[in-house]
Amino acid sequence: MTPVTDRFFERVDKAGPISLRRGAKGNCWIWTGAGDGHGYGRFWDGSKQVIAHRWAYQHHYGAIPSGLVLDHLCRRTACVRPDHLEAVTQAENVRRGLAGLFNARKTHCRAGHAYDEANTRRRNGRRDCRACARIAAARYRAQKETQAA
């Protein structure tokens, strides 16, 4: 192992909790070094500050494919175990997360319009309410007409 690799693994607790969520088998490897306040580990790789789980993934598998982010299969942001990390799109990462689960259960928008086939527009992994979009567009046009007069 290199000195950087040795320093990295000095800050890893391989006897972390066991996670069987979404295919993450075995113990989490918990980062015990410095963090960023959001639960993600930070690590000096000898030339710059890096995010610990990203370093672990790249050290084990190579570069993270362009346009993809890492999803913690175990749902623990402090976990740096490479086989608990999967490169996915940001939209997929959000869908898998708690916010994605919460929003997927919604049947109506904030204004009470139903999320059904006729009233729902999907863009970039999001649902938008067509009725609300029409109301906002009408409000914008009315405001522009008032300003022009």
C-alpha atoms as a PDB file:
ATOM      1  CA  MET A   1       0.000   0.000   0.000  1.00  0.00           C
ATOM      2  CA  THR A   2       1.053   3.590  -0.573  1.00  0.00           C
ATOM      3  CA  PRO A   3       1.419   6.125   2.250  1.00  0.00           C
ATOM      4  CA  VAL A   4      -1.813   7.855   1.102  1.00  0.00           C
ATOM      5  CA  THR A   5      -3.695   4.554   1.147  1.00  0.00           C
ATOM      6  CA  ASP A   6      -2.302   3.755   4.592  1.00  0.00           C
ATOM      7  CA  ARG A   7      -3.393   7.174   5.908  1.00  0.00           C
ATOM      8  CA  PHE A   8      -6.850   6.699   4.396  1.00  0.00           C
ATOM      9  CA  PHE A   9      -7.447   3.302   5.998  1.00  0.00           C
ATOM     10  CA  GLU A  10      -6.187   4.537   9.390  1.00  0.00           C
ATOM     11  CA  ARG A  11      -9.389   6.597   9.426  1.00  0.00           C
ATOM     12  CA  VAL A  12     -11.744   3.748   8.476  1.00  0.00           C
ATOM     13  CA  ASP A  13     -13.617   1.550  10.948  1.00  0.00           C
ATOM     14  CA  LYS A  14     -14.293  -1.681   9.045  1.00  0.00           C
ATOM     15  CA  ALA A  15     -16.354  -3.032  11.948  1.00  0.00           C
ATOM     16  CA  GLY A  16     -19.207  -0.611  11.347  1.00  0.00           C
ATOM     17  CA  PRO A  17     -22.872  -1.570  11.471  1.00  0.00           C
ATOM     18  CA  ILE A  18     -24.199  -4.266   9.167  1.00  0.00           C
ATOM     19  CA  SER A  19     -26.455  -3.060   6.377  1.00  0.00           C
ATOM     20  CA  LEU A  20     -28.618  -5.307   4.254  1.00  0.00           C
ATOM     21  CA  ARG A  21     -30.445  -2.430   2.564  1.00  0.00           C
ATOM     22  CA  ARG A  22     -30.662  -2.531  -1.226  1.00  0.00           C
ATOM     23  CA  GLY A  23     -27.916  -5.082  -1.734  1.00  0.00           C
ATOM     24  CA  ALA A  24     -25.286  -3.557   0.562  1.00  0.00           C
ATOM     25  CA  LYS A  25     -24.048  -6.729   2.231  1.00  0.00           C
ATOM     26  CA  GLY A  26     -21.713  -6.861   5.184  1.00  0.00           C
ATOM     27  CA  ASN A  27     -20.427  -4.199   7.531  1.00  0.00           C
ATOM     28  CA  CYS A  28     -20.257  -0.558   6.555  1.00  0.00           C
ATOM     29  CA  TRP A  29     -16.759   0.907   6.599  1.00  0.00           C
ATOM     30  CA  ILE A  30     -17.327   4.068   8.602  1.00  0.00           C
ATOM     31  CA  TRP A  31     -15.126   7.102   8.006  1.00  0.00           C
ATOM     32  CA  THR A  32     -13.777   8.319  11.363  1.00  0.00           C
ATOM     33  CA  GLY A  33     -11.685  11.217  10.047  1.00  0.00           C
ATOM     34  CA  ALA A  34     -12.726  14.784   9.316  1.00  0.00           C
ATOM     35  CA  GLY A  35     -16.144  15.457   7.853  1.00  0.00           C
ATOM     36  CA  ASP A  36     -18.009  18.220   6.076  1.00  0.00           C
ATOM     37  CA  GLY A  37     -20.957  18.689   8.450  1.00  0.00           C
ATOM     38  CA  HIS A  38     -23.315  16.707   6.191  1.00  0.00           C
ATOM     39  CA  GLY A  39     -21.959  13.301   7.180  1.00  0.00           C
ATOM     40  CA  TYR A  40     -19.521  12.951   4.284  1.00  0.00           C
ATOM     41  CA  GLY A  41     -15.868  12.321   5.098  1.00  0.00           C
ATOM     42  CA  ARG A  42     -13.081  14.605   3.896  1.00  0.00           C
ATOM     43  CA  PHE A  43      -9.544  13.450   3.182  1.00  0.00           C
ATOM     44  CA  TRP A  44      -6.258  15.048   2.076  1.00  0.00           C
ATOM     45  CA  ASP A  45      -4.913  12.875  -0.742  1.00  0.00           C
ATOM     46  CA  GLY A  46      -1.498  14.536  -0.741  1.00  0.00           C
ATOM     47  CA  SER A  47      -2.388  17.283  -3.212  1.00  0.00           C
ATOM     48  CA  LYS A  48      -5.993  18.330  -2.492  1.00  0.00           C
ATOM     49  CA  GLN A  49      -8.993  17.827  -0.216  1.00  0.00           C
ATOM     50  CA  VAL A  50     -11.239  15.016  -1.509  1.00  0.00           C
ATOM     51  CA  ILE A  51     -14.502  13.431  -0.434  1.00  0.00           C
ATOM     52  CA  ALA A  52     -13.645  10.162   1.319  1.00  0.00           C
ATOM     53  CA  HIS A  53     -16.233   7.880  -0.292  1.00  0.00           C
ATOM     54  CA  ARG A  54     -15.348   9.184  -3.764  1.00  0.00           C
ATOM     55  CA  TRP A  55     -11.648   8.514  -3.086  1.00  0.00           C
ATOM     56  CA  ALA A  56     -12.463   4.963  -1.920  1.00  0.00           C
ATOM     57  CA  TYR A  57     -14.565   4.253  -5.027  1.00  0.00           C
ATOM     58  CA  GLN A  58     -11.919   5.629  -7.386  1.00  0.00           C
ATOM     59  CA  HIS A  59      -9.130   3.787  -5.566  1.00  0.00           C
ATOM     60  CA  HIS A  60     -10.998   0.482  -5.945  1.00  0.00           C
ATOM     61  CA  TYR A  61     -12.824   0.812  -9.306  1.00  0.00           C
ATOM     62  CA  GLY A  62     -11.184   3.716 -11.143  1.00  0.00           C
ATOM     63  CA  ALA A  63     -12.728   6.977 -12.296  1.00  0.00           C
ATOM     64  CA  ILE A  64     -16.387   7.743 -11.635  1.00  0.00           C
ATOM     65  CA  PRO A  65     -18.070   7.768 -15.068  1.00  0.00           C
ATOM     66  CA  SER A  66     -18.802  11.245 -16.395  1.00  0.00           C
ATOM     67  CA  GLY A  67     -22.289  12.498 -15.537  1.00  0.00           C
ATOM     68  CA  LEU A  68     -22.755  10.032 -12.673  1.00  0.00           C
ATOM     69  CA  VAL A  69     -22.729  10.440  -8.886  1.00  0.00           C
ATOM     70  CA  LEU A  70     -22.156   7.887  -6.150  1.00  0.00           C
ATOM     71  CA  ASP A  71     -25.134   6.416  -4.311  1.00  0.00           C
ATOM     72  CA  HIS A  72     -24.613   4.866  -0.884  1.00  0.00           C
ATOM     73  CA  LEU A  73     -26.538   1.599  -1.164  1.00  0.00           C
ATOM     74  CA  CYS A  74     -26.411   1.291   2.635  1.00  0.00           C
ATOM     75  CA  ARG A  75     -27.862   4.840   3.078  1.00  0.00           C
ATOM     76  CA  ARG A  76     -24.941   5.849   5.369  1.00  0.00           C
ATOM     77  CA  THR A  77     -23.083   8.913   4.110  1.00  0.00           C
ATOM     78  CA  ALA A  78     -20.068   8.104   6.328  1.00  0.00           C
ATOM     79  CA  CYS A  79     -19.619   4.682   4.672  1.00  0.00           C
ATOM     80  CA  VAL A  80     -16.577   4.362   2.398  1.00  0.00           C
ATOM     81  CA  ARG A  81     -16.875   0.659   1.555  1.00  0.00           C
ATOM     82  CA  PRO A  82     -16.510   0.470  -2.251  1.00  0.00           C
ATOM     83  CA  ASP A  83     -19.098  -2.284  -2.759  1.00  0.00           C
ATOM     84  CA  HIS A  84     -21.646  -0.161  -0.852  1.00  0.00           C
ATOM     85  CA  LEU A  85     -21.230   2.572  -3.497  1.00  0.00           C
ATOM     86  CA  GLU A  86     -22.786   2.606  -6.955  1.00  0.00           C
ATOM     87  CA  ALA A  87     -22.350   5.136  -9.756  1.00  0.00           C
ATOM     88  CA  VAL A  88     -25.811   6.312 -10.876  1.00  0.00           C
ATOM     89  CA  THR A  89     -27.424   9.397 -12.402  1.00  0.00           C
ATOM     90  CA  GLN A  90     -28.390  12.212 -10.055  1.00  0.00           C
ATOM     91  CA  ALA A  91     -32.071  11.571 -10.851  1.00  0.00           C
ATOM     92  CA  GLU A  92     -31.714   7.917  -9.841  1.00  0.00           C
ATOM     93  CA  ASN A  93     -29.865   8.909  -6.664  1.00  0.00           C
ATOM     94  CA  VAL A  94     -32.719  11.244  -5.702  1.00  0.00           C
ATOM     95  CA  ARG A  95     -35.339   8.592  -6.530  1.00  0.00           C
ATOM     96  CA  ARG A  96     -33.557   6.100  -4.277  1.00  0.00           C
ATOM     97  CA  GLY A  97     -33.194   8.591  -1.424  1.00  0.00           C
ATOM     98  CA  LEU A  98     -35.699   9.525   1.255  1.00  0.00           C
ATOM     99  CA  ALA A  99     -36.824  12.664  -0.588  1.00  0.00           C
ATOM    100  CA  GLY A 100     -37.537  10.560  -3.678  1.00  0.00           C
ATOM    101  CA  LEU A 101     -39.638   8.126  -1.647  1.00  0.00           C
ATOM    102  CA  PHE A 102     -41.546  10.954   0.011  1.00  0.00           C
ATOM    103  CA  ASN A 103     -42.229  12.825  -3.242  1.00  0.00           C
ATOM    104  CA  ALA A 104     -43.145   9.673  -5.165  1.00  0.00           C
ATOM    105  CA  ARG A 105     -46.031   9.098  -2.736  1.00  0.00           C
ATOM    106  CA  LYS A 106     -47.581  12.501  -3.451  1.00  0.00           C
ATOM    107  CA  THR A 107     -50.806  12.297  -5.430  1.00  0.00           C
ATOM    108  CA  HIS A 108     -51.452  16.050  -5.693  1.00  0.00           C
ATOM    109  CA  CYS A 109     -49.376  19.224  -6.131  1.00  0.00           C
ATOM    110  CA  ARG A 110     -49.224  21.965  -3.467  1.00  0.00           C
ATOM    111  CA  ALA A 111     -52.288  23.669  -4.968  1.00  0.00           C
ATOM    112  CA  GLY A 112     -54.312  20.439  -4.817  1.00  0.00           C
ATOM    113  CA  HIS A 113     -54.239  19.481  -8.520  1.00  0.00           C
ATOM    114  CA  ALA A 114     -54.029  15.734  -9.134  1.00  0.00           C
ATOM    115  CA  TYR A 115     -50.820  14.181 -10.440  1.00  0.00           C
ATOM    116  CA  ASP A 116     -52.509  12.171 -13.167  1.00  0.00           C
ATOM    117  CA  GLU A 117     -51.578  11.385 -16.771  1.00  0.00           C
ATOM    118  CA  ALA A 118     -53.295  14.465 -18.226  1.00  0.00           C
ATOM    119  CA  ASN A 119     -52.020  16.963 -15.639  1.00  0.00           C
ATOM    120  CA  THR A 120     -48.439  15.781 -15.124  1.00  0.00           C
ATOM    121  CA  ARG A 121     -45.383  16.797 -17.106  1.00  0.00           C
ATOM    122  CA  ARG A 122     -42.093  14.965 -16.426  1.00  0.00           C
ATOM    123  CA  ARG A 123     -38.810  16.801 -16.880  1.00  0.00           C
ATOM    124  CA  ASN A 124     -35.336  15.889 -15.604  1.00  0.00           C
ATOM    125  CA  GLY A 125     -36.725  13.239 -13.270  1.00  0.00           C
ATOM    126  CA  ARG A 126     -39.303  15.634 -11.777  1.00  0.00           C
ATOM    127  CA  ARG A 127     -43.069  15.906 -11.964  1.00  0.00           C
ATOM    128  CA  ASP A 128     -44.584  19.293 -12.768  1.00  0.00           C
ATOM    129  CA  CYS A 129     -48.253  20.205 -12.524  1.00  0.00           C
ATOM    130  CA  ARG A 130     -49.588  21.426 -15.899  1.00  0.00           C
ATOM    131  CA  ALA A 131     -52.476  23.334 -14.269  1.00  0.00           C
ATOM    132  CA  CYS A 132     -50.077  25.276 -12.039  1.00  0.00           C
ATOM    133  CA  ALA A 133     -47.826  25.983 -15.044  1.00  0.00           C
ATOM    134  CA  ARG A 134     -50.815  27.402 -16.991  1.00  0.00           C
ATOM    135  CA  ILE A 135     -51.802  29.611 -14.034  1.00  0.00           C
ATOM    136  CA  ALA A 136     -48.220  30.886 -13.649  1.00  0.00           C
ATOM    137  CA  ALA A 137     -47.970  31.615 -17.394  1.00  0.00           C
ATOM    138  CA  ALA A 138     -51.284  33.542 -17.352  1.00  0.00           C
ATOM    139  CA  ARG A 139     -50.110  35.547 -14.316  1.00  0.00           C
ATOM    140  CA  TYR A 140     -46.832  36.350 -16.101  1.00  0.00           C
ATOM    141  CA  ARG A 141     -48.632  37.485 -19.289  1.00  0.00           C
ATOM    142  CA  ALA A 142     -51.016  39.692 -17.285  1.00  0.00           C
ATOM    143  CA  GLN A 143     -48.090  41.273 -15.435  1.00  0.00           C
ATOM    144  CA  LYS A 144     -46.289  41.972 -18.734  1.00  0.00           C
ATOM    145  CA  GLU A 145     -49.437  43.580 -20.212  1.00  0.00           C
ATOM    146  CA  THR A 146     -49.819  45.781 -17.136  1.00  0.00           C
ATOM    147  CA  GLN A 147     -46.180  46.897 -17.369  1.00  0.00           C
ATOM    148  CA  ALA A 148     -46.496  47.622 -21.100  1.00  0.00           C
ATOM    149  CA  ALA A 149     -49.587  49.834 -20.613  1.00  0.00           C
END
